[in-house]
Amino acid sequence: MVFSRIRDLREDSDWTQEYVAEQLGIKQTTYSKYELGKINVPAEMFMKLADLYGVSVDYLMGRTDRR
């Protein structure tokens, strides 16, 4: 669920993986692996993603459906 949420938020914002990766200060390939669930998203990245999308970390982690 975590992986689909970060992908869905990116797509809803009409942003590319390259754009989000740049905002996070990581490579696009790393971000792609987050979305695909190939590697775990570090806590620091969850916080950055939550700030970027204006949602809670709990929402990103699937702990709540409330953004």
Protein backbone atom coordinates (compact mmCIF):
# COMPACT_ATOMS: atom_id res chain seq x y z
CA MET A 1 0.00 0.00 0.00
CA VAL A 2 2.83 2.43 0.82
CA PHE A 3 4.23 2.07 -2.65
CA SER A 4 0.95 2.68 -4.40
CA ARG A 5 0.27 5.75 -2.26
CA ILE A 6 3.49 7.50 -3.18
CA ARG A 7 2.94 6.65 -6.83
CA ASP A 8 -0.68 7.78 -6.75
CA LEU A 9 0.23 11.07 -5.04
CA ARG A 10 2.92 11.73 -7.65
CA GLU A 11 0.59 10.95 -10.53
CA ASP A 12 -2.23 13.03 -9.00
CA SER A 13 0.22 15.95 -8.86
CA ASP A 14 1.21 15.38 -12.52
CA TRP A 15 4.86 15.12 -11.48
CA THR A 16 7.52 12.89 -12.99
CA GLN A 17 9.71 10.57 -10.99
CA GLU A 18 12.62 12.79 -12.00
CA TYR A 19 10.95 15.86 -10.48
CA VAL A 20 10.13 14.15 -7.18
CA ALA A 21 13.59 12.62 -6.95
CA GLU A 22 15.12 16.06 -7.48
CA GLN A 23 12.95 17.52 -4.70
CA LEU A 24 14.08 14.72 -2.38
CA GLY A 25 17.75 15.01 -3.35
CA ILE A 26 18.00 11.45 -4.62
CA LYS A 27 18.43 9.70 -7.97
CA GLN A 28 15.39 8.92 -10.09
CA THR A 29 16.31 5.23 -10.06
CA THR A 30 16.20 5.20 -6.26
CA TYR A 31 12.80 6.86 -6.23
CA SER A 32 11.55 4.38 -8.82
CA LYS A 33 12.61 1.53 -6.54
CA TYR A 34 10.60 3.10 -3.70
CA GLU A 35 7.48 3.15 -5.87
CA LEU A 36 8.03 -0.42 -7.02
CA GLY A 37 8.66 -1.66 -3.47
CA LYS A 38 12.10 -2.94 -4.41
CA ILE A 39 13.75 -1.06 -1.53
CA ASN A 40 12.41 0.29 1.75
CA VAL A 41 11.74 3.99 2.07
CA PRO A 42 13.90 5.42 4.86
CA ALA A 43 12.15 7.37 7.64
CA GLU A 44 13.82 10.60 6.49
CA MET A 45 12.34 10.14 3.01
CA PHE A 46 8.87 9.50 4.46
CA MET A 47 9.09 12.85 6.22
CA LYS A 48 10.26 14.61 3.04
CA LEU A 49 7.53 12.95 0.98
CA ALA A 50 4.87 13.90 3.52
CA ASP A 51 6.03 17.53 3.39
CA LEU A 52 6.20 17.51 -0.40
CA TYR A 53 2.67 16.17 -0.83
CA GLY A 54 1.14 17.89 2.20
CA VAL A 55 0.00 14.64 3.80
CA SER A 56 0.84 12.85 7.03
CA VAL A 57 3.48 10.16 7.35
CA ASP A 58 0.73 7.92 8.72
CA TYR A 59 -1.17 8.37 5.45
CA LEU A 60 1.90 7.47 3.41
CA MET A 61 2.46 4.38 5.54
CA GLY A 62 -1.15 3.23 5.20
CA ARG A 63 -1.91 3.69 8.90
CA THR A 64 -4.80 6.02 8.12
CA ASP A 65 -6.86 7.03 5.11
CA ARG A 66 -6.96 10.63 6.33
CA ARG A 67 -4.44 12.68 4.40
